[in-house]
Amino acid sequence: MSAQERARMIKVVTEKLGEKIMTSILKDINLSEESLWGMNRTIHFPKDLLFVALYKDLFNVGYCKLCDTIKEFLKMTPSTLQHNVQVMRKRLRDWSEKIILPSEERVLRAISKGVHGPPPFDKVTLWMDSSDFRTSGKKSIRRKDPRWSYKCNSPGRRWLVVSDAHTKTQAVFGPYNPKDYDADIAIDNREYLETNFEGQHAVADGHYTKCDRFFKKMKVFAPYAEQPEARRLKPKTISKIRVALRDQKKADFNKNLRRVRGRCEGPFGWQKEKFAALNQPFAEDEEQHDCLIRLSLACHRIMKT
């Protein structure tokens, strides 16, 4: 019976993530027994815990219920299981760091052909955006708290992601408070971005407007602020005509930028669809949350390769 239950869990996880992703994980992840807890160990003990950890986050199963699910082939208390899952998450994060690496410039340019807009967006190779993920504590954290996310209508944490034309993650920064300005996070990581993406052009939303003043080796396109309605009225003087023409150019710029930016949301929707734990408030610590976010982005990159 235990062999059947073990095989069933392996099958369910593999079907959910896909063989391509699981092959990559099993090839490079650390499967030693170091730091793992448990008395009754088999030769498959670390590998079994890997699938159990993935199963928990893919289907958002609680530790007590998970203990009952795996009791036929892994007997341990909920606290022991939680420790082991957290160890495996950290190892999955280490695997993710091997996957989420900047692509070469020629690769970025090649895959971005056909998705460009009119100048100055004809050389765009990178898309920059952020997403919030819920955490627990909605009843105890006030809306004025830096941890409160208005996007999620709950406490949360935010990650900034740089992706290519195929929505594959090229770099990820975070977690940080949802009320922190995204441009400040990008500027804080300017050295990494300019070192790895020198000469590249990126598009972003209005939260990244001031990046252009700080980045010297790469270009970040962000929309102009919306103009007051009064400026859109029919001009009656030369000065108003000039203002209207200037505003029209900005409006056209913003319109073209929005079209090019349409690819930004790709990784985030896939993350929450594939990993059910990211669709619910995450109750464990910030490090574990970060491990799961990076794992999901790495899996998405493998899937899109």
C-alpha atoms as a PDB file:
ATOM      1  CA  MET A   1       0.000   0.000   0.000  1.00  0.00           C
ATOM      2  CA  SER A   2       2.803   2.431   0.861  1.00  0.00           C
ATOM      3  CA  ALA A   3       4.428   1.940  -2.544  1.00  0.00           C
ATOM      4  CA  GLN A   4       1.123   2.698  -4.264  1.00  0.00           C
ATOM      5  CA  GLU A   5       0.572   5.882  -2.240  1.00  0.00           C
ATOM      6  CA  ARG A   6       4.114   7.038  -2.931  1.00  0.00           C
ATOM      7  CA  ALA A   7       3.740   6.376  -6.650  1.00  0.00           C
ATOM      8  CA  ARG A   8       0.425   8.223  -6.696  1.00  0.00           C
ATOM      9  CA  MET A   9       1.940  11.363  -5.140  1.00  0.00           C
ATOM     10  CA  ILE A  10       4.882  11.315  -7.554  1.00  0.00           C
ATOM     11  CA  LYS A  11       2.452  10.975 -10.459  1.00  0.00           C
ATOM     12  CA  VAL A  12       0.195  13.797  -9.273  1.00  0.00           C
ATOM     13  CA  VAL A  13       3.086  16.223  -8.737  1.00  0.00           C
ATOM     14  CA  THR A  14       4.712  15.334 -12.064  1.00  0.00           C
ATOM     15  CA  GLU A  15       1.434  15.817 -13.938  1.00  0.00           C
ATOM     16  CA  LYS A  16       0.845  19.179 -12.252  1.00  0.00           C
ATOM     17  CA  LEU A  17       4.322  20.597 -12.908  1.00  0.00           C
ATOM     18  CA  GLY A  18       5.209  18.685 -16.055  1.00  0.00           C
ATOM     19  CA  GLU A  19       7.974  16.178 -16.760  1.00  0.00           C
ATOM     20  CA  LYS A  20      10.276  18.849 -18.181  1.00  0.00           C
ATOM     21  CA  ILE A  21      10.317  20.800 -14.921  1.00  0.00           C
ATOM     22  CA  MET A  22      10.595  17.728 -12.707  1.00  0.00           C
ATOM     23  CA  THR A  23      13.489  16.365 -14.766  1.00  0.00           C
ATOM     24  CA  SER A  24      15.379  19.624 -14.286  1.00  0.00           C
ATOM     25  CA  ILE A  25      14.688  19.692 -10.541  1.00  0.00           C
ATOM     26  CA  LEU A  26      15.732  16.065  -9.956  1.00  0.00           C
ATOM     27  CA  LYS A  27      18.875  16.561 -12.006  1.00  0.00           C
ATOM     28  CA  ASP A  28      20.294  19.495 -10.038  1.00  0.00           C
ATOM     29  CA  ILE A  29      18.691  19.638  -6.581  1.00  0.00           C
ATOM     30  CA  ASN A  30      20.511  18.608  -3.431  1.00  0.00           C
ATOM     31  CA  LEU A  31      18.971  15.317  -2.226  1.00  0.00           C
ATOM     32  CA  SER A  32      21.247  14.626   0.717  1.00  0.00           C
ATOM     33  CA  GLU A  33      19.795  13.706   4.123  1.00  0.00           C
ATOM     34  CA  GLU A  34      21.613  16.554   5.850  1.00  0.00           C
ATOM     35  CA  SER A  35      19.342  18.677   8.126  1.00  0.00           C
ATOM     36  CA  LEU A  36      16.344  16.410   7.515  1.00  0.00           C
ATOM     37  CA  TRP A  37      14.431  14.968  10.475  1.00  0.00           C
ATOM     38  CA  GLY A  38      12.910  11.500  10.735  1.00  0.00           C
ATOM     39  CA  MET A  39      13.517   8.146  12.383  1.00  0.00           C
ATOM     40  CA  ASN A  40      12.206   5.633   9.844  1.00  0.00           C
ATOM     41  CA  ARG A  41      14.131   6.445   6.681  1.00  0.00           C
ATOM     42  CA  THR A  42      14.204   4.574   3.400  1.00  0.00           C
ATOM     43  CA  ILE A  43      16.610   4.917   0.504  1.00  0.00           C
ATOM     44  CA  HIS A  44      14.089   7.313  -1.111  1.00  0.00           C
ATOM     45  CA  PHE A  45      13.671   9.509   1.990  1.00  0.00           C
ATOM     46  CA  PRO A  46      15.011  12.846   0.590  1.00  0.00           C
ATOM     47  CA  LYS A  47      13.321  12.343  -2.779  1.00  0.00           C
ATOM     48  CA  ASP A  48      10.021  11.513  -1.092  1.00  0.00           C
ATOM     49  CA  LEU A  49      10.244  14.714   0.952  1.00  0.00           C
ATOM     50  CA  LEU A  50      10.930  16.706  -2.221  1.00  0.00           C
ATOM     51  CA  PHE A  51       7.673  15.477  -3.774  1.00  0.00           C
ATOM     52  CA  VAL A  52       5.823  16.035  -0.494  1.00  0.00           C
ATOM     53  CA  ALA A  53       7.074  19.651  -0.319  1.00  0.00           C
ATOM     54  CA  LEU A  54       6.025  20.285  -3.922  1.00  0.00           C
ATOM     55  CA  TYR A  55       2.660  18.617  -3.323  1.00  0.00           C
ATOM     56  CA  LYS A  56       1.988  20.846  -0.321  1.00  0.00           C
ATOM     57  CA  ASP A  57       2.548  24.093  -2.258  1.00  0.00           C
ATOM     58  CA  LEU A  58       0.965  22.957  -5.508  1.00  0.00           C
ATOM     59  CA  PHE A  59      -2.289  22.006  -3.756  1.00  0.00           C
ATOM     60  CA  ASN A  60      -2.060  24.175  -0.601  1.00  0.00           C
ATOM     61  CA  VAL A  61      -2.447  21.301   1.861  1.00  0.00           C
ATOM     62  CA  GLY A  62      -2.075  21.904   5.600  1.00  0.00           C
ATOM     63  CA  TYR A  63       0.594  20.044   7.552  1.00  0.00           C
ATOM     64  CA  CYS A  64      -1.818  17.939   9.617  1.00  0.00           C
ATOM     65  CA  LYS A  65      -3.769  16.844   6.562  1.00  0.00           C
ATOM     66  CA  LEU A  66      -0.521  16.220   4.691  1.00  0.00           C
ATOM     67  CA  CYS A  67       0.731  13.982   7.505  1.00  0.00           C
ATOM     68  CA  ASP A  68      -2.419  11.906   7.151  1.00  0.00           C
ATOM     69  CA  THR A  69      -2.009  11.752   3.364  1.00  0.00           C
ATOM     70  CA  ILE A  70       1.565  10.434   3.478  1.00  0.00           C
ATOM     71  CA  LYS A  71       1.334   8.238   6.587  1.00  0.00           C
ATOM     72  CA  GLU A  72       1.509   5.043   4.499  1.00  0.00           C
ATOM     73  CA  PHE A  73       5.065   5.766   3.321  1.00  0.00           C
ATOM     74  CA  LEU A  74       6.319   8.609   5.565  1.00  0.00           C
ATOM     75  CA  LYS A  75       5.430   8.611   9.242  1.00  0.00           C
ATOM     76  CA  MET A  76       6.233  11.835  11.110  1.00  0.00           C
ATOM     77  CA  THR A  77       4.575  14.505  13.232  1.00  0.00           C
ATOM     78  CA  PRO A  78       3.294  17.763  11.699  1.00  0.00           C
ATOM     79  CA  SER A  79       6.155  19.748  13.275  1.00  0.00           C
ATOM     80  CA  THR A  80       8.763  17.345  11.866  1.00  0.00           C
ATOM     81  CA  LEU A  81       7.091  17.474   8.475  1.00  0.00           C
ATOM     82  CA  GLN A  82       7.035  21.284   8.537  1.00  0.00           C
ATOM     83  CA  HIS A  83      10.760  21.378   9.290  1.00  0.00           C
ATOM     84  CA  ASN A  84      11.516  18.999   6.417  1.00  0.00           C
ATOM     85  CA  VAL A  85       9.309  20.887   3.953  1.00  0.00           C
ATOM     86  CA  GLN A  86      11.059  24.143   4.856  1.00  0.00           C
ATOM     87  CA  VAL A  87      14.461  22.530   4.301  1.00  0.00           C
ATOM     88  CA  MET A  88      13.341  21.287   0.883  1.00  0.00           C
ATOM     89  CA  ARG A  89      11.977  24.719  -0.035  1.00  0.00           C
ATOM     90  CA  LYS A  90      15.395  26.236   0.622  1.00  0.00           C
ATOM     91  CA  ARG A  91      17.002  23.605  -1.591  1.00  0.00           C
ATOM     92  CA  LEU A  92      14.434  24.362  -4.292  1.00  0.00           C
ATOM     93  CA  ARG A  93      15.355  28.043  -3.983  1.00  0.00           C
ATOM     94  CA  ASP A  94      19.010  27.121  -4.515  1.00  0.00           C
ATOM     95  CA  TRP A  95      17.958  25.205  -7.631  1.00  0.00           C
ATOM     96  CA  SER A  96      15.944  28.233  -8.784  1.00  0.00           C
ATOM     97  CA  GLU A  97      18.997  30.468  -8.582  1.00  0.00           C
ATOM     98  CA  LYS A  98      20.711  28.222 -11.126  1.00  0.00           C
ATOM     99  CA  ILE A  99      17.741  28.625 -13.481  1.00  0.00           C
ATOM    100  CA  ILE A 100      16.967  32.341 -13.151  1.00  0.00           C
ATOM    101  CA  LEU A 101      20.063  33.792 -14.792  1.00  0.00           C
ATOM    102  CA  PRO A 102      20.331  36.655 -17.317  1.00  0.00           C
ATOM    103  CA  SER A 103      20.321  35.523 -20.955  1.00  0.00           C
ATOM    104  CA  GLU A 104      22.899  36.749 -23.432  1.00  0.00           C
ATOM    105  CA  GLU A 105      22.152  39.963 -25.293  1.00  0.00           C
ATOM    106  CA  ARG A 106      21.914  38.229 -28.671  1.00  0.00           C
ATOM    107  CA  VAL A 107      19.327  35.803 -27.255  1.00  0.00           C
ATOM    108  CA  LEU A 108      17.223  38.614 -25.806  1.00  0.00           C
ATOM    109  CA  ARG A 109      17.271  40.493 -29.095  1.00  0.00           C
ATOM    110  CA  ALA A 110      16.449  37.394 -31.139  1.00  0.00           C
ATOM    111  CA  ILE A 111      13.362  36.397 -29.158  1.00  0.00           C
ATOM    112  CA  SER A 112      12.047  39.976 -29.007  1.00  0.00           C
ATOM    113  CA  LYS A 113      11.756  40.276 -32.795  1.00  0.00           C
ATOM    114  CA  GLY A 114       8.155  40.689 -33.823  1.00  0.00           C
ATOM    115  CA  VAL A 115       6.925  42.033 -30.480  1.00  0.00           C
ATOM    116  CA  HIS A 116       8.297  45.551 -30.812  1.00  0.00           C
ATOM    117  CA  GLY A 117       6.259  48.672 -31.242  1.00  0.00           C
ATOM    118  CA  PRO A 118       7.079  51.827 -33.185  1.00  0.00           C
ATOM    119  CA  PRO A 119      10.164  53.873 -32.180  1.00  0.00           C
ATOM    120  CA  PRO A 120      11.415  54.252 -29.502  1.00  0.00           C
ATOM    121  CA  PHE A 121      10.095  50.768 -28.608  1.00  0.00           C
ATOM    122  CA  ASP A 122      11.683  49.036 -31.592  1.00  0.00           C
ATOM    123  CA  LYS A 123      14.655  47.846 -29.504  1.00  0.00           C
ATOM    124  CA  VAL A 124      12.858  46.716 -26.351  1.00  0.00           C
ATOM    125  CA  THR A 125      14.118  43.380 -24.992  1.00  0.00           C
ATOM    126  CA  LEU A 126      13.051  43.488 -21.325  1.00  0.00           C
ATOM    127  CA  TRP A 127       9.794  43.895 -19.423  1.00  0.00           C
ATOM    128  CA  MET A 128       9.828  45.142 -15.809  1.00  0.00           C
ATOM    129  CA  ASP A 129       6.886  44.709 -13.432  1.00  0.00           C
ATOM    130  CA  SER A 130       6.004  43.740  -9.868  1.00  0.00           C
ATOM    131  CA  SER A 131       3.348  41.650  -8.158  1.00  0.00           C
ATOM    132  CA  ASP A 132       1.970  41.344  -4.637  1.00  0.00           C
ATOM    133  CA  PHE A 133       1.320  38.056  -2.847  1.00  0.00           C
ATOM    134  CA  ARG A 134      -0.851  37.777   0.225  1.00  0.00           C
ATOM    135  CA  THR A 135       0.396  36.981   3.714  1.00  0.00           C
ATOM    136  CA  SER A 136      -1.549  36.199   6.881  1.00  0.00           C
ATOM    137  CA  GLY A 137      -2.621  38.792   9.458  1.00  0.00           C
ATOM    138  CA  LYS A 138      -5.491  40.612   7.733  1.00  0.00           C
ATOM    139  CA  LYS A 139      -7.406  41.017  11.004  1.00  0.00           C
ATOM    140  CA  SER A 140      -4.440  42.344  12.980  1.00  0.00           C
ATOM    141  CA  ILE A 141      -2.638  44.614  10.462  1.00  0.00           C
ATOM    142  CA  ARG A 142      -3.986  48.087   9.700  1.00  0.00           C
ATOM    143  CA  ARG A 143      -4.236  49.549   6.217  1.00  0.00           C
ATOM    144  CA  LYS A 144      -1.642  52.205   7.079  1.00  0.00           C
ATOM    145  CA  ASP A 145       0.924  49.516   7.852  1.00  0.00           C
ATOM    146  CA  PRO A 146       3.752  49.317   5.242  1.00  0.00           C
ATOM    147  CA  ARG A 147       2.943  45.609   4.829  1.00  0.00           C
ATOM    148  CA  TRP A 148      -0.605  46.303   3.645  1.00  0.00           C
ATOM    149  CA  SER A 149      -1.212  45.653  -0.059  1.00  0.00           C
ATOM    150  CA  TYR A 150      -4.074  47.537  -1.682  1.00  0.00           C
ATOM    151  CA  LYS A 151      -3.780  45.238  -4.694  1.00  0.00           C
ATOM    152  CA  CYS A 152      -4.537  42.200  -2.526  1.00  0.00           C
ATOM    153  CA  ASN A 153      -6.704  44.036   0.035  1.00  0.00           C
ATOM    154  CA  SER A 154      -4.672  42.288   2.722  1.00  0.00           C
ATOM    155  CA  PRO A 155      -1.131  42.169   4.110  1.00  0.00           C
ATOM    156  CA  GLY A 156       1.349  41.072   1.488  1.00  0.00           C
ATOM    157  CA  ARG A 157       4.847  41.135   0.104  1.00  0.00           C
ATOM    158  CA  ARG A 158       6.001  42.347  -3.308  1.00  0.00           C
ATOM    159  CA  TRP A 159       8.552  41.064  -5.813  1.00  0.00           C
ATOM    160  CA  LEU A 160       9.981  42.914  -8.816  1.00  0.00           C
ATOM    161  CA  VAL A 161      10.527  40.742 -11.881  1.00  0.00           C
ATOM    162  CA  VAL A 162      12.462  41.466 -15.076  1.00  0.00           C
ATOM    163  CA  SER A 163      11.365  39.192 -17.939  1.00  0.00           C
ATOM    164  CA  ASP A 164      12.086  38.768 -21.643  1.00  0.00           C
ATOM    165  CA  ALA A 165       9.794  38.707 -24.678  1.00  0.00           C
ATOM    166  CA  HIS A 166       8.768  35.110 -23.886  1.00  0.00           C
ATOM    167  CA  THR A 167       7.895  36.177 -20.293  1.00  0.00           C
ATOM    168  CA  LYS A 168      10.825  34.121 -18.944  1.00  0.00           C
ATOM    169  CA  THR A 169      12.222  35.612 -15.743  1.00  0.00           C
ATOM    170  CA  GLN A 170      15.645  37.186 -16.163  1.00  0.00           C
ATOM    171  CA  ALA A 171      15.975  38.655 -12.664  1.00  0.00           C
ATOM    172  CA  VAL A 172      13.883  38.890  -9.498  1.00  0.00           C
ATOM    173  CA  PHE A 173      14.222  41.276  -6.542  1.00  0.00           C
ATOM    174  CA  GLY A 174      12.407  41.181  -3.223  1.00  0.00           C
ATOM    175  CA  PRO A 175      10.545  40.679  -1.085  1.00  0.00           C
ATOM    176  CA  TYR A 176       9.734  44.233  -0.044  1.00  0.00           C
ATOM    177  CA  ASN A 177       6.771  46.140   1.363  1.00  0.00           C
ATOM    178  CA  PRO A 178       3.900  46.787  -1.082  1.00  0.00           C
ATOM    179  CA  LYS A 179       4.005  50.486  -0.198  1.00  0.00           C
ATOM    180  CA  ASP A 180       7.662  50.821  -1.185  1.00  0.00           C
ATOM    181  CA  TYR A 181       8.109  52.579  -4.518  1.00  0.00           C
ATOM    182  CA  ASP A 182       9.019  50.089  -7.253  1.00  0.00           C
ATOM    183  CA  ALA A 183      11.460  52.521  -8.874  1.00  0.00           C
ATOM    184  CA  ASP A 184      13.443  52.720  -5.625  1.00  0.00           C
ATOM    185  CA  ILE A 185      13.883  48.934  -5.611  1.00  0.00           C
ATOM    186  CA  ALA A 186      15.051  48.996  -9.238  1.00  0.00           C
ATOM    187  CA  ILE A 187      17.458  51.837  -8.483  1.00  0.00           C
ATOM    188  CA  ASP A 188      18.819  50.000  -5.418  1.00  0.00           C
ATOM    189  CA  ASN A 189      19.634  47.084  -7.766  1.00  0.00           C
ATOM    190  CA  ARG A 190      20.903  49.320 -10.567  1.00  0.00           C
ATOM    191  CA  GLU A 191      24.444  47.923 -10.443  1.00  0.00           C
ATOM    192  CA  TYR A 192      23.222  44.363 -11.040  1.00  0.00           C
ATOM    193  CA  LEU A 193      20.820  45.427 -13.787  1.00  0.00           C
ATOM    194  CA  GLU A 194      23.302  47.602 -15.657  1.00  0.00           C
ATOM    195  CA  THR A 195      26.036  44.988 -15.372  1.00  0.00           C
ATOM    196  CA  ASN A 196      23.901  42.175 -16.779  1.00  0.00           C
ATOM    197  CA  PHE A 197      21.702  44.158 -19.185  1.00  0.00           C
ATOM    198  CA  GLU A 198      24.005  46.890 -20.432  1.00  0.00           C
ATOM    199  CA  GLY A 199      22.674  48.496 -23.598  1.00  0.00           C
ATOM    200  CA  GLN A 200      19.223  46.883 -23.246  1.00  0.00           C
ATOM    201  CA  HIS A 201      15.870  48.700 -23.361  1.00  0.00           C
ATOM    202  CA  ALA A 202      13.125  47.864 -20.866  1.00  0.00           C
ATOM    203  CA  VAL A 203       9.475  48.898 -20.562  1.00  0.00           C
ATOM    204  CA  ALA A 204       7.684  49.410 -17.255  1.00  0.00           C
ATOM    205  CA  ASP A 205       4.627  51.115 -15.759  1.00  0.00           C
ATOM    206  CA  GLY A 206       4.280  54.531 -14.151  1.00  0.00           C
ATOM    207  CA  HIS A 207       5.907  53.407 -10.900  1.00  0.00           C
ATOM    208  CA  TYR A 208       9.292  53.357 -12.669  1.00  0.00           C
ATOM    209  CA  THR A 209       9.245  56.853 -14.184  1.00  0.00           C
ATOM    210  CA  LYS A 210      12.230  58.183 -12.260  1.00  0.00           C
ATOM    211  CA  CYS A 211      14.442  55.214 -13.202  1.00  0.00           C
ATOM    212  CA  ASP A 212      15.451  57.002 -16.390  1.00  0.00           C
ATOM    213  CA  ARG A 213      17.258  59.672 -14.346  1.00  0.00           C
ATOM    214  CA  PHE A 214      19.444  57.090 -12.590  1.00  0.00           C
ATOM    215  CA  PHE A 215      20.101  54.385 -15.186  1.00  0.00           C
ATOM    216  CA  LYS A 216      22.959  55.252 -17.534  1.00  0.00           C
ATOM    217  CA  LYS A 217      23.854  51.925 -19.169  1.00  0.00           C
ATOM    218  CA  MET A 218      20.322  50.713 -19.896  1.00  0.00           C
ATOM    219  CA  LYS A 219      17.096  52.466 -20.890  1.00  0.00           C
ATOM    220  CA  VAL A 220      13.839  52.161 -18.936  1.00  0.00           C
ATOM    221  CA  PHE A 221      10.711  53.421 -20.712  1.00  0.00           C
ATOM    222  CA  ALA A 222       7.819  54.410 -18.429  1.00  0.00           C
ATOM    223  CA  PRO A 223       4.598  56.293 -19.272  1.00  0.00           C
ATOM    224  CA  TYR A 224       4.160  60.015 -18.861  1.00  0.00           C
ATOM    225  CA  ALA A 225       1.769  61.176 -16.165  1.00  0.00           C
ATOM    226  CA  GLU A 226      -1.782  61.718 -17.402  1.00  0.00           C
ATOM    227  CA  GLN A 227      -2.478  65.348 -18.305  1.00  0.00           C
ATOM    228  CA  PRO A 228      -5.397  67.324 -16.802  1.00  0.00           C
ATOM    229  CA  GLU A 229      -8.601  67.232 -18.806  1.00  0.00           C
ATOM    230  CA  ALA A 230      -8.369  71.001 -19.449  1.00  0.00           C
ATOM    231  CA  ARG A 231      -5.313  70.482 -21.632  1.00  0.00           C
ATOM    232  CA  ARG A 232      -7.278  68.231 -23.941  1.00  0.00           C
ATOM    233  CA  LEU A 233      -9.730  70.985 -24.828  1.00  0.00           C
ATOM    234  CA  LYS A 234      -9.625  72.556 -28.279  1.00  0.00           C
ATOM    235  CA  PRO A 235      -6.734  75.110 -28.207  1.00  0.00           C
ATOM    236  CA  LYS A 236      -7.451  78.753 -29.023  1.00  0.00           C
ATOM    237  CA  THR A 237      -3.952  80.228 -28.826  1.00  0.00           C
ATOM    238  CA  ILE A 238      -0.506  79.366 -30.182  1.00  0.00           C
ATOM    239  CA  SER A 239       0.750  78.400 -26.707  1.00  0.00           C
ATOM    240  CA  LYS A 240      -2.222  76.099 -26.189  1.00  0.00           C
ATOM    241  CA  ILE A 241      -1.641  74.532 -29.593  1.00  0.00           C
ATOM    242  CA  ARG A 242       1.950  73.754 -28.628  1.00  0.00           C
ATOM    243  CA  VAL A 243       0.802  72.276 -25.343  1.00  0.00           C
ATOM    244  CA  ALA A 244      -1.829  70.190 -27.118  1.00  0.00           C
ATOM    245  CA  LEU A 245       0.698  68.876 -29.620  1.00  0.00           C
ATOM    246  CA  ARG A 246       3.127  68.007 -26.850  1.00  0.00           C
ATOM    247  CA  ASP A 247       0.382  66.295 -24.866  1.00  0.00           C
ATOM    248  CA  GLN A 248      -0.695  64.354 -27.953  1.00  0.00           C
ATOM    249  CA  LYS A 249       2.844  63.045 -28.435  1.00  0.00           C
ATOM    250  CA  LYS A 250       2.892  61.932 -24.824  1.00  0.00           C
ATOM    251  CA  ALA A 251      -0.500  60.274 -25.232  1.00  0.00           C
ATOM    252  CA  ASP A 252       0.716  58.422 -28.331  1.00  0.00           C
ATOM    253  CA  PHE A 253       3.863  57.395 -26.444  1.00  0.00           C
ATOM    254  CA  ASN A 254       1.786  56.016 -23.556  1.00  0.00           C
ATOM    255  CA  LYS A 255      -0.560  54.201 -25.937  1.00  0.00           C
ATOM    256  CA  ASN A 256       2.305  52.457 -27.743  1.00  0.00           C
ATOM    257  CA  LEU A 257       4.015  51.640 -24.448  1.00  0.00           C
ATOM    258  CA  ARG A 258       0.855  49.978 -23.098  1.00  0.00           C
ATOM    259  CA  ARG A 259       0.715  47.752 -26.158  1.00  0.00           C
ATOM    260  CA  VAL A 260       4.314  46.643 -25.695  1.00  0.00           C
ATOM    261  CA  ARG A 261       3.855  46.188 -21.945  1.00  0.00           C
ATOM    262  CA  GLY A 262       1.040  43.674 -22.424  1.00  0.00           C
ATOM    263  CA  ARG A 263       3.429  40.742 -21.874  1.00  0.00           C
ATOM    264  CA  CYS A 264       4.430  41.731 -18.341  1.00  0.00           C
ATOM    265  CA  GLU A 265       1.711  39.867 -16.477  1.00  0.00           C
ATOM    266  CA  GLY A 266       2.580  36.466 -17.966  1.00  0.00           C
ATOM    267  CA  PRO A 267       4.630  34.914 -15.137  1.00  0.00           C
ATOM    268  CA  PHE A 268       2.375  36.157 -12.321  1.00  0.00           C
ATOM    269  CA  GLY A 269      -0.839  34.579 -13.570  1.00  0.00           C
ATOM    270  CA  TRP A 270       0.899  31.260 -14.177  1.00  0.00           C
ATOM    271  CA  GLN A 271       2.435  31.284 -10.688  1.00  0.00           C
ATOM    272  CA  LYS A 272      -0.893  31.662  -8.916  1.00  0.00           C
ATOM    273  CA  GLU A 273      -2.634  29.195 -11.195  1.00  0.00           C
ATOM    274  CA  LYS A 274      -0.015  26.479 -10.791  1.00  0.00           C
ATOM    275  CA  PHE A 275       0.843  26.904  -7.075  1.00  0.00           C
ATOM    276  CA  ALA A 276      -2.349  26.994  -5.023  1.00  0.00           C
ATOM    277  CA  ALA A 277      -0.390  28.156  -1.956  1.00  0.00           C
ATOM    278  CA  LEU A 278       0.199  31.499  -3.721  1.00  0.00           C
ATOM    279  CA  ASN A 279      -3.559  32.026  -4.081  1.00  0.00           C
ATOM    280  CA  GLN A 280      -4.025  32.059  -0.310  1.00  0.00           C
ATOM    281  CA  PRO A 281      -2.484  34.140   2.495  1.00  0.00           C
ATOM    282  CA  PHE A 282       0.935  32.645   3.199  1.00  0.00           C
ATOM    283  CA  ALA A 283       1.268  31.906   6.916  1.00  0.00           C
ATOM    284  CA  GLU A 284       4.933  30.912   7.170  1.00  0.00           C
ATOM    285  CA  ASP A 285       7.916  33.246   7.448  1.00  0.00           C
ATOM    286  CA  GLU A 286       9.174  35.621   4.767  1.00  0.00           C
ATOM    287  CA  GLU A 287      12.135  33.457   3.795  1.00  0.00           C
ATOM    288  CA  GLN A 288       9.844  30.511   3.024  1.00  0.00           C
ATOM    289  CA  HIS A 289       7.559  32.779   1.010  1.00  0.00           C
ATOM    290  CA  ASP A 290      10.548  34.004  -1.000  1.00  0.00           C
ATOM    291  CA  CYS A 291      11.650  30.407  -1.632  1.00  0.00           C
ATOM    292  CA  LEU A 292       8.239  29.572  -3.070  1.00  0.00           C
ATOM    293  CA  ILE A 293       8.077  32.691  -5.263  1.00  0.00           C
ATOM    294  CA  ARG A 294      11.495  32.013  -6.768  1.00  0.00           C
ATOM    295  CA  LEU A 295      10.664  28.336  -7.271  1.00  0.00           C
ATOM    296  CA  SER A 296       7.487  29.213  -9.177  1.00  0.00           C
ATOM    297  CA  LEU A 297       9.340  31.719 -11.392  1.00  0.00           C
ATOM    298  CA  ALA A 298      12.053  29.177 -12.158  1.00  0.00           C
ATOM    299  CA  CYS A 299       9.425  26.571 -13.060  1.00  0.00           C
ATOM    300  CA  HIS A 300       7.724  29.082 -15.352  1.00  0.00           C
ATOM    301  CA  ARG A 301      11.040  29.799 -17.071  1.00  0.00           C
ATOM    302  CA  ILE A 302      11.654  26.071 -17.652  1.00  0.00           C
ATOM    303  CA  MET A 303       8.128  25.699 -19.000  1.00  0.00           C
ATOM    304  CA  LYS A 304       8.632  28.565 -21.485  1.00  0.00           C
ATOM    305  CA  THR A 305      12.038  27.332 -22.666  1.00  0.00           C
END
